[in-house]
Amino acid sequence: RGLEPVIKWGPSEEVRANALAAASGGLLLLAPPAGPAATARLAFHAALVVGVDSGPTHLAAATGAPTLALFGPTDPGRFGPVGLHAAALRGEAGHYNRRGEGPSLPETDEILRAIDRLLA
């Protein structure tokens, strides 16, 4: 679709974000350090924001950017992002990922269908 993926990261996530960018072979770009105002500007200009249940994801939805929030055990019906172009997907409670580290997210196909709907 001609999208240029950018990783937005917080202060405690820099090492992990750099590792993801390096592992992508140049596909993923690393956003510069940014406070809330700069994060909102970045989201506002994005074709699509995909994130977890976090402040930056909710901020992106509030800017009107097409936003897909991925939820684990938290209820997106109660805590989901608010916006005309916001959607949320939730992994099934009680199901854990392969490493047993927490709730699983929806299947990849379901995530891709949600992205297609947001970009339509």
PDB file of N, CA and C in Angstrom:
ATOM      1  N   ARG A   1       0.812  -1.212   0.000  1.00  0.00           N
ATOM      2  CA  ARG A   1       0.000   0.000   0.000  1.00  0.00           C
ATOM      3  C   ARG A   1       0.841   1.255   0.000  1.00  0.00           C
ATOM      4  N   GLY A   2       2.138   1.110  -0.044  1.00  0.00           N
ATOM      5  CA  GLY A   2       2.997   2.278  -0.062  1.00  0.00           C
ATOM      6  C   GLY A   2       3.136   2.954   1.289  1.00  0.00           C
ATOM      7  N   LEU A   3       2.850   2.244   2.367  1.00  0.00           N
ATOM      8  CA  LEU A   3       2.990   2.826   3.697  1.00  0.00           C
ATOM      9  C   LEU A   3       4.430   2.724   4.155  1.00  0.00           C
ATOM     10  N   GLU A   4       4.882   3.713   4.886  1.00  0.00           N
ATOM     11  CA  GLU A   4       6.238   3.728   5.425  1.00  0.00           C
ATOM     12  C   GLU A   4       6.140   3.506   6.940  1.00  0.00           C
ATOM     13  N   PRO A   5       6.403   2.284   7.426  1.00  0.00           N
ATOM     14  CA  PRO A   5       6.247   1.988   8.862  1.00  0.00           C
ATOM     15  C   PRO A   5       7.253   2.739   9.728  1.00  0.00           C
ATOM     16  N   VAL A   6       6.753   3.358  10.789  1.00  0.00           N
ATOM     17  CA  VAL A   6       7.574   4.102  11.743  1.00  0.00           C
ATOM     18  C   VAL A   6       7.276   3.566  13.141  1.00  0.00           C
ATOM     19  N   ILE A   7       8.317   3.315  13.909  1.00  0.00           N
ATOM     20  CA  ILE A   7       8.160   2.843  15.288  1.00  0.00           C
ATOM     21  C   ILE A   7       8.217   4.037  16.222  1.00  0.00           C
ATOM     22  N   LYS A   8       7.151   4.254  16.969  1.00  0.00           N
ATOM     23  CA  LYS A   8       7.118   5.281  18.020  1.00  0.00           C
ATOM     24  C   LYS A   8       7.483   4.583  19.323  1.00  0.00           C
ATOM     25  N   TRP A   9       8.361   5.173  20.082  1.00  0.00           N
ATOM     26  CA  TRP A   9       8.853   4.517  21.297  1.00  0.00           C
ATOM     27  C   TRP A   9       8.921   5.521  22.432  1.00  0.00           C
ATOM     28  N   GLY A  10       8.864   4.985  23.641  1.00  0.00           N
ATOM     29  CA  GLY A  10       8.992   5.803  24.842  1.00  0.00           C
ATOM     30  C   GLY A  10      10.370   5.638  25.447  1.00  0.00           C
ATOM     31  N   PRO A  11      10.679   6.410  26.497  1.00  0.00           N
ATOM     32  CA  PRO A  11      12.020   6.397  27.097  1.00  0.00           C
ATOM     33  C   PRO A  11      12.529   5.010  27.495  1.00  0.00           C
ATOM     34  N   SER A  12      11.682   4.171  28.015  1.00  0.00           N
ATOM     35  CA  SER A  12      12.148   2.846  28.453  1.00  0.00           C
ATOM     36  C   SER A  12      12.123   1.825  27.325  1.00  0.00           C
ATOM     37  N   GLU A  13      11.745   2.245  26.111  1.00  0.00           N
ATOM     38  CA  GLU A  13      11.596   1.305  24.993  1.00  0.00           C
ATOM     39  C   GLU A  13      12.638   1.494  23.889  1.00  0.00           C
ATOM     40  N   GLU A  14      13.591   2.384  24.093  1.00  0.00           N
ATOM     41  CA  GLU A  14      14.534   2.714  23.030  1.00  0.00           C
ATOM     42  C   GLU A  14      15.350   1.506  22.559  1.00  0.00           C
ATOM     43  N   VAL A  15      15.846   0.706  23.467  1.00  0.00           N
ATOM     44  CA  VAL A  15      16.667  -0.454  23.093  1.00  0.00           C
ATOM     45  C   VAL A  15      15.841  -1.422  22.258  1.00  0.00           C
ATOM     46  N   ARG A  16      14.627  -1.694  22.697  1.00  0.00           N
ATOM     47  CA  ARG A  16      13.756  -2.626  21.968  1.00  0.00           C
ATOM     48  C   ARG A  16      13.379  -2.061  20.595  1.00  0.00           C
ATOM     49  N   ALA A  17      13.077  -0.767  20.527  1.00  0.00           N
ATOM     50  CA  ALA A  17      12.720  -0.133  19.253  1.00  0.00           C
ATOM     51  C   ALA A  17      13.895  -0.193  18.274  1.00  0.00           C
ATOM     52  N   ASN A  18      15.098   0.071  18.760  1.00  0.00           N
ATOM     53  CA  ASN A  18      16.286  -0.029  17.906  1.00  0.00           C
ATOM     54  C   ASN A  18      16.484  -1.447  17.402  1.00  0.00           C
ATOM     55  N   ALA A  19      16.255  -2.425  18.254  1.00  0.00           N
ATOM     56  CA  ALA A  19      16.399  -3.831  17.848  1.00  0.00           C
ATOM     57  C   ALA A  19      15.381  -4.192  16.768  1.00  0.00           C
ATOM     58  N   LEU A  20      14.137  -3.732  16.919  1.00  0.00           N
ATOM     59  CA  LEU A  20      13.114  -3.987  15.899  1.00  0.00           C
ATOM     60  C   LEU A  20      13.492  -3.348  14.568  1.00  0.00           C
ATOM     61  N   ALA A  21      13.929  -2.105  14.628  1.00  0.00           N
ATOM     62  CA  ALA A  21      14.327  -1.411  13.402  1.00  0.00           C
ATOM     63  C   ALA A  21      15.488  -2.133  12.729  1.00  0.00           C
ATOM     64  N   ALA A  22      16.469  -2.556  13.503  1.00  0.00           N
ATOM     65  CA  ALA A  22      17.622  -3.263  12.941  1.00  0.00           C
ATOM     66  C   ALA A  22      17.208  -4.601  12.341  1.00  0.00           C
ATOM     67  N   ALA A  23      16.325  -5.324  13.026  1.00  0.00           N
ATOM     68  CA  ALA A  23      15.893  -6.635  12.552  1.00  0.00           C
ATOM     69  C   ALA A  23      15.044  -6.540  11.287  1.00  0.00           C
ATOM     70  N   SER A  24      14.470  -5.370  11.024  1.00  0.00           N
ATOM     71  CA  SER A  24      13.593  -5.225   9.861  1.00  0.00           C
ATOM     72  C   SER A  24      14.368  -5.046   8.556  1.00  0.00           C
ATOM     73  N   GLY A  25      15.681  -4.918   8.653  1.00  0.00           N
ATOM     74  CA  GLY A  25      16.477  -4.737   7.451  1.00  0.00           C
ATOM     75  C   GLY A  25      16.204  -3.414   6.746  1.00  0.00           C
ATOM     76  N   GLY A  26      15.868  -2.397   7.513  1.00  0.00           N
ATOM     77  CA  GLY A  26      15.613  -1.085   6.933  1.00  0.00           C
ATOM     78  C   GLY A  26      14.157  -0.813   6.596  1.00  0.00           C
ATOM     79  N   LEU A  27      13.270  -1.777   6.819  1.00  0.00           N
ATOM     80  CA  LEU A  27      11.852  -1.573   6.530  1.00  0.00           C
ATOM     81  C   LEU A  27      11.205  -0.625   7.531  1.00  0.00           C
ATOM     82  N   LEU A  28      11.545  -0.770   8.817  1.00  0.00           N
ATOM     83  CA  LEU A  28      10.964   0.062   9.862  1.00  0.00           C
ATOM     84  C   LEU A  28      11.871   1.246  10.165  1.00  0.00           C
ATOM     85  N   LEU A  29      11.273   2.417  10.234  1.00  0.00           N
ATOM     86  CA  LEU A  29      12.014   3.622  10.604  1.00  0.00           C
ATOM     87  C   LEU A  29      11.765   3.915  12.068  1.00  0.00           C
ATOM     88  N   LEU A  30      12.719   4.509  12.725  1.00  0.00           N
ATOM     89  CA  LEU A  30      12.596   4.859  14.133  1.00  0.00           C
ATOM     90  C   LEU A  30      12.214   6.332  14.253  1.00  0.00           C
ATOM     91  N   ALA A  31      11.087   6.604  14.909  1.00  0.00           N
ATOM     92  CA  ALA A  31      10.681   7.990  15.134  1.00  0.00           C
ATOM     93  C   ALA A  31      11.659   8.629  16.111  1.00  0.00           C
ATOM     94  N   PRO A  32      11.858   9.925  15.992  1.00  0.00           N
ATOM     95  CA  PRO A  32      12.728  10.599  16.966  1.00  0.00           C
ATOM     96  C   PRO A  32      12.047  10.665  18.328  1.00  0.00           C
ATOM     97  N   PRO A  33      12.800  10.901  19.401  1.00  0.00           N
ATOM     98  CA  PRO A  33      12.175  11.065  20.713  1.00  0.00           C
ATOM     99  C   PRO A  33      11.121  12.167  20.622  1.00  0.00           C
ATOM    100  N   ALA A  34       9.979  11.949  21.269  1.00  0.00           N
ATOM    101  CA  ALA A  34       8.892  12.918  21.128  1.00  0.00           C
ATOM    102  C   ALA A  34       8.022  12.954  22.372  1.00  0.00           C
ATOM    103  N   GLY A  35       7.666  14.145  22.786  1.00  0.00           N
ATOM    104  CA  GLY A  35       6.702  14.334  23.853  1.00  0.00           C
ATOM    105  C   GLY A  35       5.289  14.245  23.299  1.00  0.00           C
ATOM    106  N   PRO A  36       4.283  14.522  24.119  1.00  0.00           N
ATOM    107  CA  PRO A  36       2.892  14.385  23.684  1.00  0.00           C
ATOM    108  C   PRO A  36       2.523  15.240  22.468  1.00  0.00           C
ATOM    109  N   ALA A  37       2.952  16.480  22.417  1.00  0.00           N
ATOM    110  CA  ALA A  37       2.586  17.342  21.283  1.00  0.00           C
ATOM    111  C   ALA A  37       3.179  16.823  19.977  1.00  0.00           C
ATOM    112  N   ALA A  38       4.449  16.446  19.997  1.00  0.00           N
ATOM    113  CA  ALA A  38       5.089  15.914  18.789  1.00  0.00           C
ATOM    114  C   ALA A  38       4.496  14.560  18.410  1.00  0.00           C
ATOM    115  N   THR A  39       4.124  13.758  19.405  1.00  0.00           N
ATOM    116  CA  THR A  39       3.477  12.476  19.136  1.00  0.00           C
ATOM    117  C   THR A  39       2.143  12.696  18.446  1.00  0.00           C
ATOM    118  N   ALA A  40       1.381  13.674  18.901  1.00  0.00           N
ATOM    119  CA  ALA A  40       0.087  13.985  18.281  1.00  0.00           C
ATOM    120  C   ALA A  40       0.279  14.443  16.838  1.00  0.00           C
ATOM    121  N   ARG A  41       1.303  15.268  16.583  1.00  0.00           N
ATOM    122  CA  ARG A  41       1.571  15.722  15.212  1.00  0.00           C
ATOM    123  C   ARG A  41       1.963  14.546  14.314  1.00  0.00           C
ATOM    124  N   LEU A  42       2.795  13.662  14.814  1.00  0.00           N
ATOM    125  CA  LEU A  42       3.200  12.477  14.049  1.00  0.00           C
ATOM    126  C   LEU A  42       1.980  11.631  13.712  1.00  0.00           C
ATOM    127  N   ALA A  43       1.122  11.390  14.697  1.00  0.00           N
ATOM    128  CA  ALA A  43      -0.080  10.586  14.479  1.00  0.00           C
ATOM    129  C   ALA A  43      -1.026  11.254  13.496  1.00  0.00           C
ATOM    130  N   PHE A  44      -1.188  12.551  13.628  1.00  0.00           N
ATOM    131  CA  PHE A  44      -2.102  13.296  12.760  1.00  0.00           C
ATOM    132  C   PHE A  44      -1.749  13.116  11.286  1.00  0.00           C
ATOM    133  N   HIS A  45      -0.473  13.023  10.999  1.00  0.00           N
ATOM    134  CA  HIS A  45      -0.011  12.889   9.617  1.00  0.00           C
ATOM    135  C   HIS A  45       0.125  11.437   9.165  1.00  0.00           C
ATOM    136  N   ALA A  46      -0.147  10.499  10.048  1.00  0.00           N
ATOM    137  CA  ALA A  46       0.006   9.079   9.709  1.00  0.00           C
ATOM    138  C   ALA A  46      -1.179   8.582   8.882  1.00  0.00           C
ATOM    139  N   ALA A  47      -0.897   7.679   7.970  1.00  0.00           N
ATOM    140  CA  ALA A  47      -1.961   7.023   7.207  1.00  0.00           C
ATOM    141  C   ALA A  47      -2.678   6.002   8.083  1.00  0.00           C
ATOM    142  N   LEU A  48      -1.960   5.452   9.071  1.00  0.00           N
ATOM    143  CA  LEU A  48      -2.505   4.442   9.965  1.00  0.00           C
ATOM    144  C   LEU A  48      -1.629   4.361  11.198  1.00  0.00           C
ATOM    145  N   VAL A  49      -2.255   4.232  12.366  1.00  0.00           N
ATOM    146  CA  VAL A  49      -1.529   4.003  13.616  1.00  0.00           C
ATOM    147  C   VAL A  49      -2.002   2.671  14.180  1.00  0.00           C
ATOM    148  N   VAL A  50      -1.063   1.786  14.466  1.00  0.00           N
ATOM    149  CA  VAL A  50      -1.366   0.522  15.128  1.00  0.00           C
ATOM    150  C   VAL A  50      -0.592   0.535  16.429  1.00  0.00           C
ATOM    151  N   GLY A  51      -1.291   0.328  17.540  1.00  0.00           N
ATOM    152  CA  GLY A  51      -0.622   0.355  18.836  1.00  0.00           C
ATOM    153  C   GLY A  51      -1.376  -0.461  19.857  1.00  0.00           C
ATOM    154  N   VAL A  52      -0.842  -0.493  21.032  1.00  0.00           N
ATOM    155  CA  VAL A  52      -1.475  -1.202  22.142  1.00  0.00           C
ATOM    156  C   VAL A  52      -2.289  -0.204  22.957  1.00  0.00           C
ATOM    157  N   ASP A  53      -2.934  -0.693  23.984  1.00  0.00           N
ATOM    158  CA  ASP A  53      -3.730   0.161  24.867  1.00  0.00           C
ATOM    159  C   ASP A  53      -2.780   1.045  25.660  1.00  0.00           C
ATOM    160  N   SER A  54      -2.459   2.195  25.075  1.00  0.00           N
ATOM    161  CA  SER A  54      -1.496   3.103  25.706  1.00  0.00           C
ATOM    162  C   SER A  54      -1.867   4.538  25.376  1.00  0.00           C
ATOM    163  N   GLY A  55      -1.250   5.458  26.097  1.00  0.00           N
ATOM    164  CA  GLY A  55      -1.507   6.872  25.874  1.00  0.00           C
ATOM    165  C   GLY A  55      -1.282   7.306  24.437  1.00  0.00           C
ATOM    166  N   PRO A  56      -0.133   6.968  23.822  1.00  0.00           N
ATOM    167  CA  PRO A  56       0.093   7.398  22.437  1.00  0.00           C
ATOM    168  C   PRO A  56      -0.964   6.873  21.460  1.00  0.00           C
ATOM    169  N   THR A  57      -1.461   5.665  21.679  1.00  0.00           N
ATOM    170  CA  THR A  57      -2.495   5.117  20.796  1.00  0.00           C
ATOM    171  C   THR A  57      -3.797   5.902  20.953  1.00  0.00           C
ATOM    172  N   HIS A  58      -4.165   6.206  22.197  1.00  0.00           N
ATOM    173  CA  HIS A  58      -5.376   6.993  22.436  1.00  0.00           C
ATOM    174  C   HIS A  58      -5.217   8.412  21.887  1.00  0.00           C
ATOM    175  N   LEU A  59      -4.043   8.968  22.010  1.00  0.00           N
ATOM    176  CA  LEU A  59      -3.760  10.294  21.475  1.00  0.00           C
ATOM    177  C   LEU A  59      -3.893  10.289  19.951  1.00  0.00           C
ATOM    178  N   ALA A  60      -3.389   9.244  19.315  1.00  0.00           N
ATOM    179  CA  ALA A  60      -3.507   9.121  17.858  1.00  0.00           C
ATOM    180  C   ALA A  60      -4.974   9.094  17.430  1.00  0.00           C
ATOM    181  N   ALA A  61      -5.791   8.323  18.131  1.00  0.00           N
ATOM    182  CA  ALA A  61      -7.217   8.260  17.794  1.00  0.00           C
ATOM    183  C   ALA A  61      -7.865   9.629  17.953  1.00  0.00           C
ATOM    184  N   ALA A  62      -7.475  10.358  18.977  1.00  0.00           N
ATOM    185  CA  ALA A  62      -8.052  11.681  19.223  1.00  0.00           C
ATOM    186  C   ALA A  62      -7.694  12.677  18.132  1.00  0.00           C
ATOM    187  N   THR A  63      -6.582  12.467  17.415  1.00  0.00           N
ATOM    188  CA  THR A  63      -6.207  13.378  16.328  1.00  0.00           C
ATOM    189  C   THR A  63      -7.033  13.122  15.073  1.00  0.00           C
ATOM    190  N   GLY A  64      -7.752  12.011  15.053  1.00  0.00           N
ATOM    191  CA  GLY A  64      -8.526  11.642  13.875  1.00  0.00           C
ATOM    192  C   GLY A  64      -7.811  10.685  12.955  1.00  0.00           C
ATOM    193  N   ALA A  65      -6.585  10.299  13.303  1.00  0.00           N
ATOM    194  CA  ALA A  65      -5.832   9.350  12.477  1.00  0.00           C
ATOM    195  C   ALA A  65      -6.515   7.983  12.520  1.00  0.00           C
ATOM    196  N   PRO A  66      -6.537   7.250  11.408  1.00  0.00           N
ATOM    197  CA  PRO A  66      -7.030   5.870  11.465  1.00  0.00           C
ATOM    198  C   PRO A  66      -6.178   5.102  12.469  1.00  0.00           C
ATOM    199  N   THR A  67      -6.812   4.559  13.495  1.00  0.00           N
ATOM    200  CA  THR A  67      -6.078   3.963  14.619  1.00  0.00           C
ATOM    201  C   THR A  67      -6.647   2.595  14.951  1.00  0.00           C
ATOM    202  N   LEU A  68      -5.771   1.608  15.034  1.00  0.00           N
ATOM    203  CA  LEU A  68      -6.149   0.269  15.473  1.00  0.00           C
ATOM    204  C   LEU A  68      -5.424  -0.015  16.776  1.00  0.00           C
ATOM    205  N   ALA A  69      -6.183  -0.211  17.847  1.00  0.00           N
ATOM    206  CA  ALA A  69      -5.615  -0.510  19.160  1.00  0.00           C
ATOM    207  C   ALA A  69      -5.749  -2.002  19.427  1.00  0.00           C
ATOM    208  N   LEU A  70      -4.660  -2.622  19.848  1.00  0.00           N
ATOM    209  CA  LEU A  70      -4.635  -4.048  20.164  1.00  0.00           C
ATOM    210  C   LEU A  70      -4.673  -4.212  21.678  1.00  0.00           C
ATOM    211  N   PHE A  71      -5.682  -4.924  22.161  1.00  0.00           N
ATOM    212  CA  PHE A  71      -5.904  -5.092  23.591  1.00  0.00           C
ATOM    213  C   PHE A  71      -5.658  -6.526  24.018  1.00  0.00           C
ATOM    214  N   GLY A  72      -5.157  -6.674  25.224  1.00  0.00           N
ATOM    215  CA  GLY A  72      -5.050  -7.975  25.873  1.00  0.00           C
ATOM    216  C   GLY A  72      -6.260  -8.137  26.780  1.00  0.00           C
ATOM    217  N   PRO A  73      -6.044  -8.194  28.103  1.00  0.00           N
ATOM    218  CA  PRO A  73      -7.150  -8.456  29.016  1.00  0.00           C
ATOM    219  C   PRO A  73      -8.063  -7.251  29.278  1.00  0.00           C
ATOM    220  N   THR A  74      -7.639  -6.054  28.921  1.00  0.00           N
ATOM    221  CA  THR A  74      -8.448  -4.868  29.182  1.00  0.00           C
ATOM    222  C   THR A  74      -9.628  -4.819  28.213  1.00  0.00           C
ATOM    223  N   ASP A  75     -10.782  -4.388  28.680  1.00  0.00           N
ATOM    224  CA  ASP A  75     -12.004  -4.333  27.876  1.00  0.00           C
ATOM    225  C   ASP A  75     -11.977  -3.123  26.944  1.00  0.00           C
ATOM    226  N   PRO A  76     -11.861  -3.321  25.627  1.00  0.00           N
ATOM    227  CA  PRO A  76     -11.851  -2.174  24.714  1.00  0.00           C
ATOM    228  C   PRO A  76     -13.201  -1.473  24.648  1.00  0.00           C
ATOM    229  N   GLY A  77     -14.270  -2.156  25.025  1.00  0.00           N
ATOM    230  CA  GLY A  77     -15.572  -1.511  25.071  1.00  0.00           C
ATOM    231  C   GLY A  77     -15.615  -0.410  26.110  1.00  0.00           C
ATOM    232  N   ARG A  78     -14.842  -0.569  27.141  1.00  0.00           N
ATOM    233  CA  ARG A  78     -14.796   0.419  28.214  1.00  0.00           C
ATOM    234  C   ARG A  78     -13.604   1.377  28.071  1.00  0.00           C
ATOM    235  N   PHE A  79     -12.470   0.843  27.638  1.00  0.00           N
ATOM    236  CA  PHE A  79     -11.231   1.628  27.619  1.00  0.00           C
ATOM    237  C   PHE A  79     -10.664   1.833  26.215  1.00  0.00           C
ATOM    238  N   GLY A  80     -11.432   1.496  25.183  1.00  0.00           N
ATOM    239  CA  GLY A  80     -10.935   1.615  23.816  1.00  0.00           C
ATOM    240  C   GLY A  80     -10.756   3.048  23.368  1.00  0.00           C
ATOM    241  N   PRO A  81     -10.009   3.236  22.293  1.00  0.00           N
ATOM    242  CA  PRO A  81      -9.772   4.585  21.790  1.00  0.00           C
ATOM    243  C   PRO A  81     -11.067   5.200  21.260  1.00  0.00           C
ATOM    244  N   VAL A  82     -11.163   6.508  21.376  1.00  0.00           N
ATOM    245  CA  VAL A  82     -12.342   7.239  20.920  1.00  0.00           C
ATOM    246  C   VAL A  82     -11.948   8.041  19.690  1.00  0.00           C
ATOM    247  N   GLY A  83     -12.708   7.897  18.644  1.00  0.00           N
ATOM    248  CA  GLY A  83     -12.434   8.641  17.426  1.00  0.00           C
ATOM    249  C   GLY A  83     -13.247   8.080  16.283  1.00  0.00           C
ATOM    250  N   LEU A  84     -13.485   8.902  15.284  1.00  0.00           N
ATOM    251  CA  LEU A  84     -14.283   8.470  14.131  1.00  0.00           C
ATOM    252  C   LEU A  84     -13.614   7.347  13.349  1.00  0.00           C
ATOM    253  N   HIS A  85     -12.297   7.291  13.413  1.00  0.00           N
ATOM    254  CA  HIS A  85     -11.558   6.303  12.622  1.00  0.00           C
ATOM    255  C   HIS A  85     -10.763   5.360  13.531  1.00  0.00           C
ATOM    256  N   ALA A  86     -11.320   5.075  14.701  1.00  0.00           N
ATOM    257  CA  ALA A  86     -10.628   4.207  15.662  1.00  0.00           C
ATOM    258  C   ALA A  86     -11.332   2.860  15.767  1.00  0.00           C
ATOM    259  N   ALA A  87     -10.535   1.831  15.925  1.00  0.00           N
ATOM    260  CA  ALA A  87     -11.058   0.482  16.124  1.00  0.00           C
ATOM    261  C   ALA A  87     -10.161  -0.221  17.131  1.00  0.00           C
ATOM    262  N   ALA A  88     -10.699  -1.266  17.742  1.00  0.00           N
ATOM    263  CA  ALA A  88      -9.921  -2.032  18.720  1.00  0.00           C
ATOM    264  C   ALA A  88     -10.181  -3.511  18.515  1.00  0.00           C
ATOM    265  N   LEU A  89      -9.147  -4.300  18.725  1.00  0.00           N
ATOM    266  CA  LEU A  89      -9.244  -5.753  18.710  1.00  0.00           C
ATOM    267  C   LEU A  89      -8.712  -6.268  20.033  1.00  0.00           C
ATOM    268  N   ARG A  90      -9.337  -7.328  20.523  1.00  0.00           N
ATOM    269  CA  ARG A  90      -8.932  -7.883  21.814  1.00  0.00           C
ATOM    270  C   ARG A  90      -8.632  -9.365  21.673  1.00  0.00           C
ATOM    271  N   GLY A  91      -7.520  -9.788  22.282  1.00  0.00           N
ATOM    272  CA  GLY A  91      -7.216 -11.208  22.355  1.00  0.00           C
ATOM    273  C   GLY A  91      -8.165 -11.866  23.343  1.00  0.00           C
ATOM    274  N   GLU A  92      -8.376 -13.143  23.182  1.00  0.00           N
ATOM    275  CA  GLU A  92      -9.279 -13.853  24.084  1.00  0.00           C
ATOM    276  C   GLU A  92      -8.679 -13.961  25.474  1.00  0.00           C
ATOM    277  N   ALA A  93      -9.466 -13.598  26.480  1.00  0.00           N
ATOM    278  CA  ALA A  93      -9.009 -13.708  27.869  1.00  0.00           C
ATOM    279  C   ALA A  93      -8.717 -15.165  28.187  1.00  0.00           C
ATOM    280  N   GLY A  94      -7.637 -15.398  28.873  1.00  0.00           N
ATOM    281  CA  GLY A  94      -7.284 -16.756  29.262  1.00  0.00           C
ATOM    282  C   GLY A  94      -6.417 -17.485  28.259  1.00  0.00           C
ATOM    283  N   HIS A  95      -6.287 -16.962  27.060  1.00  0.00           N
ATOM    284  CA  HIS A  95      -5.415 -17.581  26.073  1.00  0.00           C
ATOM    285  C   HIS A  95      -4.076 -16.856  26.104  1.00  0.00           C
ATOM    286  N   TYR A  96      -3.022 -17.630  26.050  1.00  0.00           N
ATOM    287  CA  TYR A  96      -1.689 -17.039  26.181  1.00  0.00           C
ATOM    288  C   TYR A  96      -0.882 -17.300  24.930  1.00  0.00           C
ATOM    289  N   ASN A  97       0.076 -16.420  24.699  1.00  0.00           N
ATOM    290  CA  ASN A  97       0.905 -16.603  23.523  1.00  0.00           C
ATOM    291  C   ASN A  97       1.814 -17.816  23.721  1.00  0.00           C
ATOM    292  N   ARG A  98       2.557 -18.147  22.691  1.00  0.00           N
ATOM    293  CA  ARG A  98       3.359 -19.380  22.711  1.00  0.00           C
ATOM    294  C   ARG A  98       4.394 -19.423  23.826  1.00  0.00           C
ATOM    295  N   ARG A  99       4.846 -18.265  24.263  1.00  0.00           N
ATOM    296  CA  ARG A  99       5.850 -18.241  25.327  1.00  0.00           C
ATOM    297  C   ARG A  99       5.199 -18.128  26.703  1.00  0.00           C
ATOM    298  N   GLY A 100       3.867 -18.100  26.769  1.00  0.00           N
ATOM    299  CA  GLY A 100       3.175 -18.018  28.041  1.00  0.00           C
ATOM    300  C   GLY A 100       3.333 -16.680  28.731  1.00  0.00           C
ATOM    301  N   GLU A 101       3.540 -15.609  27.940  1.00  0.00           N
ATOM    302  CA  GLU A 101       3.820 -14.300  28.528  1.00  0.00           C
ATOM    303  C   GLU A 101       2.596 -13.418  28.706  1.00  0.00           C
ATOM    304  N   GLY A 102       1.444 -13.888  28.394  1.00  0.00           N
ATOM    305  CA  GLY A 102       0.268 -13.041  28.566  1.00  0.00           C
ATOM    306  C   GLY A 102      -0.789 -13.348  27.536  1.00  0.00           C
ATOM    307  N   PRO A 103      -1.871 -12.592  27.570  1.00  0.00           N
ATOM    308  CA  PRO A 103      -2.983 -12.862  26.644  1.00  0.00           C
ATOM    309  C   PRO A 103      -2.534 -12.765  25.192  1.00  0.00           C
ATOM    310  N   SER A 104      -3.093 -13.641  24.363  1.00  0.00           N
ATOM    311  CA  SER A 104      -2.771 -13.610  22.944  1.00  0.00           C
ATOM    312  C   SER A 104      -3.567 -12.507  22.264  1.00  0.00           C
ATOM    313  N   LEU A 105      -3.055 -12.017  21.163  1.00  0.00           N
ATOM    314  CA  LEU A 105      -3.773 -11.048  20.363  1.00  0.00           C
ATOM    315  C   LEU A 105      -4.585 -11.782  19.313  1.00  0.00           C
ATOM    316  N   PRO A 106      -5.530 -11.101  18.662  1.00  0.00           N
ATOM    317  CA  PRO A 106      -6.317 -11.743  17.615  1.00  0.00           C
ATOM    318  C   PRO A 106      -5.421 -12.281  16.508  1.00  0.00           C
ATOM    319  N   GLU A 107      -5.969 -13.184  15.735  1.00  0.00           N
ATOM    320  CA  GLU A 107      -5.236 -13.764  14.617  1.00  0.00           C
ATOM    321  C   GLU A 107      -4.782 -12.667  13.650  1.00  0.00           C
ATOM    322  N   THR A 108      -3.681 -12.912  12.980  1.00  0.00           N
ATOM    323  CA  THR A 108      -3.126 -11.949  12.031  1.00  0.00           C
ATOM    324  C   THR A 108      -4.140 -11.556  10.974  1.00  0.00           C
ATOM    325  N   ASP A 109      -4.903 -12.513  10.451  1.00  0.00           N
ATOM    326  CA  ASP A 109      -5.890 -12.187   9.414  1.00  0.00           C
ATOM    327  C   ASP A 109      -6.920 -11.187   9.918  1.00  0.00           C
ATOM    328  N   GLU A 110      -7.340 -11.328  11.170  1.00  0.00           N
ATOM    329  CA  GLU A 110      -8.314 -10.402  11.741  1.00  0.00           C
ATOM    330  C   GLU A 110      -7.717  -9.003  11.866  1.00  0.00           C
ATOM    331  N   ILE A 111      -6.461  -8.922  12.247  1.00  0.00           N
ATOM    332  CA  ILE A 111      -5.787  -7.629  12.337  1.00  0.00           C
ATOM    333  C   ILE A 111      -5.687  -6.995  10.957  1.00  0.00           C
ATOM    334  N   LEU A 112      -5.309  -7.774   9.946  1.00  0.00           N
ATOM    335  CA  LEU A 112      -5.184  -7.236   8.594  1.00  0.00           C
ATOM    336  C   LEU A 112      -6.531  -6.788   8.039  1.00  0.00           C
ATOM    337  N   ARG A 113      -7.610  -7.517   8.323  1.00  0.00           N
ATOM    338  CA  ARG A 113      -8.946  -7.093   7.889  1.00  0.00           C
ATOM    339  C   ARG A 113      -9.327  -5.765   8.546  1.00  0.00           C
ATOM    340  N   ALA A 114      -9.016  -5.608   9.831  1.00  0.00           N
ATOM    341  CA  ALA A 114      -9.325  -4.353  10.534  1.00  0.00           C
ATOM    342  C   ALA A 114      -8.539  -3.202   9.907  1.00  0.00           C
ATOM    343  N   ILE A 115      -7.279  -3.440   9.550  1.00  0.00           N
ATOM    344  CA  ILE A 115      -6.466  -2.400   8.916  1.00  0.00           C
ATOM    345  C   ILE A 115      -7.076  -2.027   7.560  1.00  0.00           C
ATOM    346  N   ASP A 116      -7.486  -3.022   6.787  1.00  0.00           N
ATOM    347  CA  ASP A 116      -8.117  -2.738   5.492  1.00  0.00           C
ATOM    348  C   ASP A 116      -9.356  -1.866   5.655  1.00  0.00           C
ATOM    349  N   ARG A 117     -10.172  -2.161   6.681  1.00  0.00           N
ATOM    350  CA  ARG A 117     -11.383  -1.359   6.917  1.00  0.00           C
ATOM    351  C   ARG A 117     -11.018   0.078   7.286  1.00  0.00           C
ATOM    352  N   LEU A 118      -9.977   0.266   8.093  1.00  0.00           N
ATOM    353  CA  LEU A 118      -9.583   1.601   8.501  1.00  0.00           C
ATOM    354  C   LEU A 118      -9.007   2.409   7.328  1.00  0.00           C
ATOM    355  N   LEU A 119      -8.362   1.737   6.400  1.00  0.00           N
ATOM    356  CA  LEU A 119      -7.756   2.442   5.280  1.00  0.00           C
ATOM    357  C   LEU A 119      -8.711   2.627   4.105  1.00  0.00           C
ATOM    358  N   ALA A 120      -9.871   1.986   4.181  1.00  0.00           N
ATOM    359  CA  ALA A 120     -10.841   2.084   3.064  1.00  0.00           C
ATOM    360  C   ALA A 120     -11.438   3.469   2.957  1.00  0.00           C
TER     361      ALA A 120
END
